């Protein structure tokens, strides 16, 4: 039997959403992703980039440890 995933796990966040969540400037999100601290974003189009909420949650948990 399969269970439905948590809807928040499927949520996609913009760079501004992630920046608000982490309380940093949006440019810092790009720096953290380039440094490997945050996961790489998902490209949905040539100019449309989003992060999976589940990936950001895991990155926050890793950083807290």
C-alpha atoms as a PDB file:
ATOM      1  CA  UNK A   1       0.000   0.000   0.000  1.00  0.00           C
ATOM      2  CA  UNK A   2       1.397   3.423  -0.924  1.00  0.00           C
ATOM      3  CA  UNK A   3       0.919   6.559   1.102  1.00  0.00           C
ATOM      4  CA  UNK A   4       0.313   9.958  -0.390  1.00  0.00           C
ATOM      5  CA  UNK A   5       3.253  12.343   0.022  1.00  0.00           C
ATOM      6  CA  UNK A   6       2.891  15.354   2.271  1.00  0.00           C
ATOM      7  CA  UNK A   7       1.750  18.291   0.070  1.00  0.00           C
ATOM      8  CA  UNK A   8       4.406  20.530   1.593  1.00  0.00           C
ATOM      9  CA  UNK A   9       7.050  18.066   0.404  1.00  0.00           C
ATOM     10  CA  UNK A  10       5.926  18.637  -3.187  1.00  0.00           C
ATOM     11  CA  UNK A  11       5.914  22.421  -2.912  1.00  0.00           C
ATOM     12  CA  UNK A  12       8.282  24.415  -5.132  1.00  0.00           C
ATOM     13  CA  UNK A  13       9.868  27.580  -3.753  1.00  0.00           C
ATOM     14  CA  UNK A  14      11.221  30.607  -5.579  1.00  0.00           C
ATOM     15  CA  UNK A  15      14.548  32.152  -4.645  1.00  0.00           C
ATOM     16  CA  UNK A  16      12.655  34.851  -2.734  1.00  0.00           C
ATOM     17  CA  UNK A  17      10.651  32.214  -0.842  1.00  0.00           C
ATOM     18  CA  UNK A  18      13.826  30.398   0.183  1.00  0.00           C
ATOM     19  CA  UNK A  19      15.496  33.690   1.142  1.00  0.00           C
ATOM     20  CA  UNK A  20      12.528  34.634   3.351  1.00  0.00           C
ATOM     21  CA  UNK A  21      12.578  31.194   4.952  1.00  0.00           C
ATOM     22  CA  UNK A  22      16.297  31.446   5.753  1.00  0.00           C
ATOM     23  CA  UNK A  23      16.143  35.191   6.484  1.00  0.00           C
ATOM     24  CA  UNK A  24      18.888  36.084   4.030  1.00  0.00           C
ATOM     25  CA  UNK A  25      19.136  38.095   0.821  1.00  0.00           C
ATOM     26  CA  UNK A  26      18.126  36.254  -2.380  1.00  0.00           C
ATOM     27  CA  UNK A  27      21.688  36.614  -3.708  1.00  0.00           C
ATOM     28  CA  UNK A  28      22.880  34.614  -0.698  1.00  0.00           C
ATOM     29  CA  UNK A  29      20.690  31.704  -1.804  1.00  0.00           C
ATOM     30  CA  UNK A  30      22.561  31.526  -5.104  1.00  0.00           C
ATOM     31  CA  UNK A  31      25.900  31.665  -3.264  1.00  0.00           C
ATOM     32  CA  UNK A  32      24.847  28.905  -0.852  1.00  0.00           C
ATOM     33  CA  UNK A  33      23.680  26.733  -3.751  1.00  0.00           C
ATOM     34  CA  UNK A  34      26.951  27.312  -5.630  1.00  0.00           C
ATOM     35  CA  UNK A  35      28.906  26.364  -2.497  1.00  0.00           C
ATOM     36  CA  UNK A  36      26.902  23.152  -2.092  1.00  0.00           C
ATOM     37  CA  UNK A  37      25.315  24.213   1.193  1.00  0.00           C
ATOM     38  CA  UNK A  38      21.883  24.280  -0.447  1.00  0.00           C
ATOM     39  CA  UNK A  39      20.752  21.848  -3.140  1.00  0.00           C
ATOM     40  CA  UNK A  40      20.755  22.888  -6.761  1.00  0.00           C
ATOM     41  CA  UNK A  41      17.457  24.305  -7.969  1.00  0.00           C
ATOM     42  CA  UNK A  42      15.144  22.605 -10.427  1.00  0.00           C
ATOM     43  CA  UNK A  43      14.988  24.292 -13.834  1.00  0.00           C
ATOM     44  CA  UNK A  44      11.424  24.368 -15.126  1.00  0.00           C
ATOM     45  CA  UNK A  45      12.211  26.580 -18.088  1.00  0.00           C
ATOM     46  CA  UNK A  46      14.930  28.847 -19.453  1.00  0.00           C
ATOM     47  CA  UNK A  47      14.214  31.500 -16.819  1.00  0.00           C
ATOM     48  CA  UNK A  48      12.117  29.579 -14.289  1.00  0.00           C
ATOM     49  CA  UNK A  49      14.012  28.101 -11.352  1.00  0.00           C
ATOM     50  CA  UNK A  50      12.557  26.626  -8.163  1.00  0.00           C
ATOM     51  CA  UNK A  51      13.753  24.673  -5.143  1.00  0.00           C
ATOM     52  CA  UNK A  52      11.897  21.671  -3.746  1.00  0.00           C
ATOM     53  CA  UNK A  53      10.656  22.457  -0.236  1.00  0.00           C
ATOM     54  CA  UNK A  54      11.679  18.964   0.889  1.00  0.00           C
ATOM     55  CA  UNK A  55      15.268  19.530  -0.300  1.00  0.00           C
ATOM     56  CA  UNK A  56      15.466  22.853   1.569  1.00  0.00           C
ATOM     57  CA  UNK A  57      14.065  21.212   4.729  1.00  0.00           C
ATOM     58  CA  UNK A  58      16.720  18.497   4.558  1.00  0.00           C
ATOM     59  CA  UNK A  59      19.474  21.095   4.033  1.00  0.00           C
ATOM     60  CA  UNK A  60      18.269  23.018   7.106  1.00  0.00           C
ATOM     61  CA  UNK A  61      18.246  19.807   9.172  1.00  0.00           C
ATOM     62  CA  UNK A  62      21.801  18.958   8.019  1.00  0.00           C
ATOM     63  CA  UNK A  63      23.024  22.443   8.920  1.00  0.00           C
ATOM     64  CA  UNK A  64      21.407  22.237  12.372  1.00  0.00           C
ATOM     65  CA  UNK A  65      23.341  19.066  13.243  1.00  0.00           C
END
